[in-house]
Amino acid sequence: MKKRILIPVLLLALLCGCAGTANTQKTTGGIVCTTQQLADLTERILDGTAAGADTPVESVVTEPVSCLHDYTLSVRQMELLENAEVVIESGMGLENFMEDALRAASCTRITASTGVAALPSDEDPDEPDPHIWLAPENCAQMAQNIADGLVALYPDDAARLRENAADYAREMDELQAYGEQQLSSLSCRELVTFHDGFSYFAEAFDLTIAAAMEVEAGSEPSAKELEEIVRIVREHAIPAVFCEANGTQDAAQLVARETGAGVFVLDMGLSNPDAIRNNIDTVKEALQ
């Protein structure tokens, strides 16, 4: 049975996007993506197009971060959004921190998560979990959504934009097959994570989240919560626990000392397009 243990954090609200109407002319303010991951994907979709040669693609968040709910925009980042002609966002509430800036902007919005089957948030089952990019199938859908939005803006590049999205989807199919093959013979298929955000990754590769602890900035997990994690690791004979690349390892190390489990690092991938493959390889090493 899947069990989640969470320390309360701020809930993410669904993004209220910027207003605007698509046009068939090249934009003058460039394309602004909310994360570096989306910027990398957008540049991939624009590769070989006239629009890609002429239109700058910039990212609002460029530094490695694992969670955006406490993120604060700088003056430069707000100006970047204000001057954007197009904003490409992940959606599902990920960009709640920039809601006011987006409302003030006059831009065309492309939402990459359109059509992705959302898993419920563990903090609030009525809210979607926004960490959709950790499953290859979702990444392919995100690429298609970005391509569709760009086709409306750059119709002369439509064929190449769609071709690039199709090529990317084939790569994601290969990545899915790679993960299934690599993780097919694990001795344990249960994940204990010290960041709540790996549900899509687990679902994609037939893994189970045995426990997930979201540590709020500036707080520490209680002794009772840590005891429950220790109990789960012992009773299920789970050989490893996982922290997030940009988070703290303190709680994970404590559980490891109590249980003898190893501590491994997974990547949320907001600025790392290779996060899925890295996570596959890490889980195989930890749970084989």
Protein backbone atom coordinates (compact mmCIF):
# COMPACT_ATOMS: atom_id res chain seq x y z
CA MET A 1 0.00 0.00 0.00
CA LYS A 2 1.31 3.44 -0.94
CA LYS A 3 1.80 5.73 2.02
CA ARG A 4 2.74 9.38 1.91
CA ILE A 5 4.14 11.44 4.75
CA LEU A 6 4.25 15.15 4.08
CA ILE A 7 5.29 18.21 6.04
CA PRO A 8 2.84 21.05 5.14
CA VAL A 9 4.01 23.38 2.43
CA LEU A 10 2.36 26.17 0.49
CA LEU A 11 -0.13 24.81 -2.03
CA LEU A 12 0.36 25.63 -5.68
CA ALA A 13 -2.61 27.27 -7.41
CA LEU A 14 -3.36 26.84 -11.07
CA LEU A 15 -1.61 29.42 -13.18
CA CYS A 16 -3.61 32.38 -14.41
CA GLY A 17 -1.88 32.98 -17.72
CA CYS A 18 -1.21 36.08 -19.70
CA ALA A 19 -3.63 37.46 -22.21
CA GLY A 20 -2.90 37.71 -25.89
CA THR A 21 -3.82 36.59 -29.34
CA ALA A 22 -1.68 34.46 -31.60
CA ASN A 23 -0.50 36.07 -34.83
CA THR A 24 1.26 34.91 -37.94
CA GLN A 25 4.19 37.35 -37.74
CA LYS A 26 7.55 36.82 -36.07
CA THR A 27 7.43 38.12 -32.49
CA THR A 28 9.57 41.11 -31.57
CA GLY A 29 10.03 40.51 -27.84
CA GLY A 30 11.30 36.98 -28.11
CA ILE A 31 10.09 33.78 -26.49
CA VAL A 32 10.32 33.54 -22.72
CA CYS A 33 10.12 30.14 -21.04
CA THR A 34 9.47 29.84 -17.34
CA THR A 35 12.22 27.25 -16.74
CA GLN A 36 15.49 26.33 -18.41
CA GLN A 37 14.10 22.88 -19.19
CA LEU A 38 11.30 24.45 -21.24
CA ALA A 39 13.79 26.78 -22.93
CA ASP A 40 15.97 23.82 -23.94
CA LEU A 41 12.93 21.97 -25.27
CA THR A 42 11.68 25.04 -27.15
CA GLU A 43 15.06 25.55 -28.81
CA ARG A 44 14.98 21.89 -29.81
CA ILE A 45 11.58 22.35 -31.45
CA LEU A 46 12.76 25.55 -33.20
CA ASP A 47 15.95 23.92 -34.53
CA GLY A 48 16.43 24.49 -38.24
CA THR A 49 13.59 27.01 -38.58
CA ALA A 50 13.68 30.62 -39.70
CA ALA A 51 11.97 31.56 -36.44
CA GLY A 52 14.64 29.75 -34.46
CA ALA A 53 17.37 31.69 -36.24
CA ASP A 54 15.74 35.06 -35.65
CA THR A 55 13.90 34.77 -32.34
CA PRO A 56 15.69 34.76 -28.96
CA VAL A 57 14.58 32.16 -26.40
CA GLU A 58 15.17 33.06 -22.77
CA SER A 59 14.40 31.41 -19.44
CA VAL A 60 12.96 33.12 -16.38
CA VAL A 61 14.47 30.64 -13.91
CA THR A 62 18.00 29.67 -14.91
CA GLU A 63 19.51 28.45 -11.64
CA PRO A 64 19.05 24.83 -10.46
CA VAL A 65 16.07 24.64 -8.10
CA SER A 66 13.95 21.74 -6.92
CA CYS A 67 10.78 23.61 -5.99
CA LEU A 68 9.39 26.94 -7.12
CA HIS A 69 6.63 27.59 -4.59
CA ASP A 70 8.85 29.95 -2.54
CA TYR A 71 10.64 31.46 -5.52
CA THR A 72 10.78 35.27 -5.80
CA LEU A 73 11.21 37.02 -9.14
CA SER A 74 13.96 39.59 -9.54
CA VAL A 75 13.39 42.95 -11.22
CA ARG A 76 15.10 41.66 -14.35
CA GLN A 77 12.90 38.57 -14.45
CA MET A 78 9.75 40.68 -14.13
CA GLU A 79 10.97 42.90 -16.96
CA LEU A 80 11.64 39.82 -19.05
CA LEU A 81 8.03 38.72 -18.65
CA GLU A 82 6.71 42.24 -19.20
CA ASN A 83 8.49 42.53 -22.55
CA ALA A 84 7.75 38.99 -23.77
CA GLU A 85 5.62 38.41 -26.84
CA VAL A 86 5.30 34.70 -26.03
CA VAL A 87 5.53 32.90 -22.69
CA ILE A 88 5.86 29.13 -22.62
CA GLU A 89 4.88 27.72 -19.25
CA SER A 90 4.66 24.26 -17.77
CA GLY A 91 1.27 24.85 -16.14
CA MET A 92 -0.61 22.81 -13.52
CA GLY A 93 0.26 25.46 -10.92
CA LEU A 94 4.04 25.29 -11.25
CA GLU A 95 4.30 28.99 -12.07
CA ASN A 96 2.05 30.32 -9.31
CA PHE A 97 4.98 32.40 -8.01
CA MET A 98 4.90 34.60 -11.13
CA GLU A 99 1.13 34.94 -11.41
CA ASP A 100 1.06 38.70 -10.83
CA ALA A 101 3.76 39.32 -13.43
CA LEU A 102 1.94 37.20 -15.97
CA ARG A 103 -1.32 39.00 -15.36
CA ALA A 104 0.41 42.31 -16.03
CA ALA A 105 1.98 41.06 -19.26
CA SER A 106 0.48 41.29 -22.74
CA CYS A 107 1.59 38.10 -24.42
CA THR A 108 0.61 34.87 -26.09
CA ARG A 109 0.66 31.90 -23.71
CA ILE A 110 1.64 28.35 -24.64
CA THR A 111 0.94 25.84 -21.89
CA ALA A 112 3.12 22.74 -22.22
CA SER A 113 1.02 20.53 -19.92
CA THR A 114 -2.16 20.67 -22.02
CA GLY A 115 -3.54 17.15 -22.47
CA VAL A 116 -1.24 15.53 -19.91
CA ALA A 117 -3.07 13.21 -17.52
CA ALA A 118 -2.48 14.81 -14.13
CA LEU A 119 -1.76 12.88 -10.97
CA PRO A 120 -3.17 14.39 -7.77
CA SER A 121 -0.96 16.43 -5.51
CA ASP A 122 -0.10 14.69 -2.26
CA GLU A 123 -0.69 17.89 -0.35
CA ASP A 124 -4.18 18.36 -1.77
CA PRO A 125 -5.84 15.62 -3.86
CA ASP A 126 -7.97 18.31 -5.53
CA GLU A 127 -4.86 19.96 -7.00
CA PRO A 128 -2.68 18.49 -9.77
CA ASP A 129 0.92 17.44 -9.20
CA PRO A 130 2.88 19.75 -11.54
CA HIS A 131 6.06 17.63 -11.89
CA ILE A 132 4.96 16.14 -15.21
CA TRP A 133 8.33 16.28 -17.01
CA LEU A 134 9.78 13.24 -15.23
CA ALA A 135 7.89 10.80 -17.48
CA PRO A 136 8.98 10.38 -21.14
CA GLU A 137 5.41 10.22 -22.44
CA ASN A 138 4.64 13.55 -20.80
CA CYS A 139 7.77 15.13 -22.26
CA ALA A 140 6.63 14.08 -25.72
CA GLN A 141 3.24 15.70 -25.11
CA MET A 142 4.93 18.87 -23.88
CA ALA A 143 7.01 19.02 -27.06
CA GLN A 144 3.90 18.58 -29.19
CA ASN A 145 2.09 21.36 -27.33
CA ILE A 146 5.02 23.72 -27.78
CA ALA A 147 5.21 22.86 -31.49
CA ASP A 148 1.48 23.42 -31.95
CA GLY A 149 1.70 26.83 -30.27
CA LEU A 150 4.70 27.85 -32.38
CA VAL A 151 3.03 26.71 -35.60
CA ALA A 152 0.28 29.26 -34.93
CA LEU A 153 2.93 31.96 -34.60
CA TYR A 154 5.25 30.83 -37.39
CA PRO A 155 3.13 29.04 -40.02
CA ASP A 156 5.94 29.12 -42.60
CA ASP A 157 7.96 26.86 -40.28
CA ALA A 158 5.09 24.46 -39.57
CA ALA A 159 6.56 21.40 -41.31
CA ARG A 160 9.94 21.65 -39.54
CA LEU A 161 8.35 22.40 -36.16
CA ARG A 162 6.16 19.29 -36.40
CA GLU A 163 9.06 17.20 -37.65
CA ASN A 164 11.20 18.25 -34.68
CA ALA A 165 8.39 17.38 -32.26
CA ALA A 166 7.98 13.97 -33.87
CA ASP A 167 11.73 13.31 -33.65
CA TYR A 168 11.68 14.24 -29.98
CA ALA A 169 8.73 11.94 -29.36
CA ARG A 170 10.66 9.05 -30.89
CA GLU A 171 13.57 9.79 -28.54
CA MET A 172 11.17 9.74 -25.60
CA ASP A 173 9.83 6.36 -26.74
CA GLU A 174 13.42 5.08 -26.77
CA LEU A 175 14.01 6.53 -23.30
CA GLN A 176 10.86 4.83 -22.00
CA ALA A 177 12.05 1.53 -23.43
CA TYR A 178 15.50 2.07 -21.91
CA GLY A 179 14.01 2.68 -18.48
CA GLU A 180 11.72 -0.33 -18.66
CA GLN A 181 14.64 -2.55 -19.64
CA GLN A 182 17.05 -1.17 -17.05
CA LEU A 183 14.53 -1.36 -14.19
CA SER A 184 12.87 -4.65 -15.14
CA SER A 185 14.74 -6.83 -12.64
CA LEU A 186 14.99 -4.66 -9.54
CA SER A 187 15.03 -6.49 -6.22
CA CYS A 188 12.86 -3.69 -4.79
CA ARG A 189 10.42 -1.44 -6.64
CA GLU A 190 9.56 0.92 -3.77
CA LEU A 191 10.89 4.46 -3.51
CA VAL A 192 11.32 6.45 -0.31
CA THR A 193 11.96 10.05 -1.33
CA PHE A 194 12.79 13.19 0.62
CA HIS A 195 11.13 15.36 -1.98
CA ASP A 196 7.54 14.98 -3.09
CA GLY A 197 7.61 15.12 -6.87
CA PHE A 198 8.57 11.75 -8.31
CA SER A 199 5.09 10.28 -8.81
CA TYR A 200 5.14 10.63 -12.61
CA PHE A 201 8.57 9.03 -12.79
CA ALA A 202 7.39 6.15 -10.57
CA GLU A 203 4.23 5.63 -12.61
CA ALA A 204 6.15 5.64 -15.90
CA PHE A 205 8.41 2.79 -14.78
CA ASP A 206 6.04 0.73 -12.63
CA LEU A 207 7.56 1.81 -9.33
CA THR A 208 5.74 2.56 -6.07
CA ILE A 209 6.22 5.55 -3.79
CA ALA A 210 6.35 3.86 -0.37
CA ALA A 211 6.84 7.19 1.40
CA ALA A 212 7.54 10.78 0.40
CA MET A 213 8.56 13.51 2.81
CA GLU A 214 8.40 17.12 1.64
CA VAL A 215 10.59 19.20 3.93
CA GLU A 216 9.51 22.82 4.10
CA ALA A 217 12.31 25.38 4.00
CA GLY A 218 13.39 26.35 7.50
CA SER A 219 11.72 23.40 9.22
CA GLU A 220 12.81 19.94 10.23
CA PRO A 221 10.78 16.73 10.15
CA SER A 222 9.43 15.65 13.50
CA ALA A 223 10.77 12.64 15.34
CA LYS A 224 7.43 10.88 14.80
CA GLU A 225 7.57 11.39 11.06
CA LEU A 226 11.13 10.13 10.85
CA GLU A 227 10.25 7.12 12.98
CA GLU A 228 7.49 6.25 10.53
CA ILE A 229 9.90 6.44 7.60
CA VAL A 230 12.36 4.22 9.47
CA ARG A 231 9.58 1.72 10.15
CA ILE A 232 8.59 1.58 6.48
CA VAL A 233 12.17 1.12 5.31
CA ARG A 234 12.74 -1.71 7.79
CA GLU A 235 9.44 -3.53 7.29
CA HIS A 236 9.66 -3.37 3.49
CA ALA A 237 13.39 -4.14 3.42
CA ILE A 238 14.00 -1.09 1.23
CA PRO A 239 17.72 -0.86 0.48
CA ALA A 240 17.95 2.85 -0.34
CA VAL A 241 16.35 6.24 0.24
CA PHE A 242 16.46 9.16 -2.17
CA CYS A 243 16.97 12.90 -1.72
CA GLU A 244 16.65 15.59 -4.35
CA ALA A 245 19.73 17.02 -6.02
CA ASN A 246 19.12 20.58 -4.84
CA GLY A 247 17.66 19.73 -1.43
CA THR A 248 18.96 18.79 1.99
CA GLN A 249 20.22 15.28 2.80
CA ASP A 250 19.99 15.57 6.59
CA ALA A 251 16.75 13.61 7.07
CA ALA A 252 17.76 10.97 4.54
CA GLN A 253 21.11 10.48 6.25
CA LEU A 254 19.40 10.07 9.61
CA VAL A 255 17.09 7.37 8.22
CA ALA A 256 20.07 5.71 6.57
CA ARG A 257 21.95 5.55 9.87
CA GLU A 258 18.95 3.96 11.58
CA THR A 259 18.25 1.39 8.87
CA GLY A 260 21.48 0.76 7.03
CA ALA A 261 19.89 1.93 3.77
CA GLY A 262 21.98 3.74 1.20
CA VAL A 263 21.38 7.39 0.28
CA PHE A 264 21.07 8.28 -3.39
CA VAL A 265 20.27 11.51 -5.23
CA LEU A 266 17.48 12.00 -7.78
CA ASP A 267 17.08 15.07 -9.99
CA MET A 268 13.83 17.01 -10.43
CA GLY A 269 15.19 18.21 -13.75
CA LEU A 270 13.88 21.79 -13.90
CA SER A 271 17.12 22.74 -15.62
CA ASN A 272 18.43 19.30 -16.60
CA PRO A 273 17.07 17.68 -19.78
CA ASP A 274 18.90 14.44 -18.94
CA ALA A 275 17.18 14.06 -15.56
CA ILE A 276 15.01 11.08 -16.54
CA ARG A 277 17.93 8.99 -17.79
CA ASN A 278 20.05 9.95 -14.78
CA ASN A 279 17.23 8.96 -12.44
CA ILE A 280 16.77 5.62 -14.20
CA ASP A 281 20.45 4.82 -13.77
CA THR A 282 20.43 5.96 -10.13
CA VAL A 283 17.38 3.87 -9.22
CA LYS A 284 18.91 0.82 -10.89
CA GLU A 285 22.14 1.26 -8.91
CA ALA A 286 20.26 1.78 -5.65
CA LEU A 287 17.62 -0.95 -5.89
CA GLN A 288 19.14 -3.67 -8.04
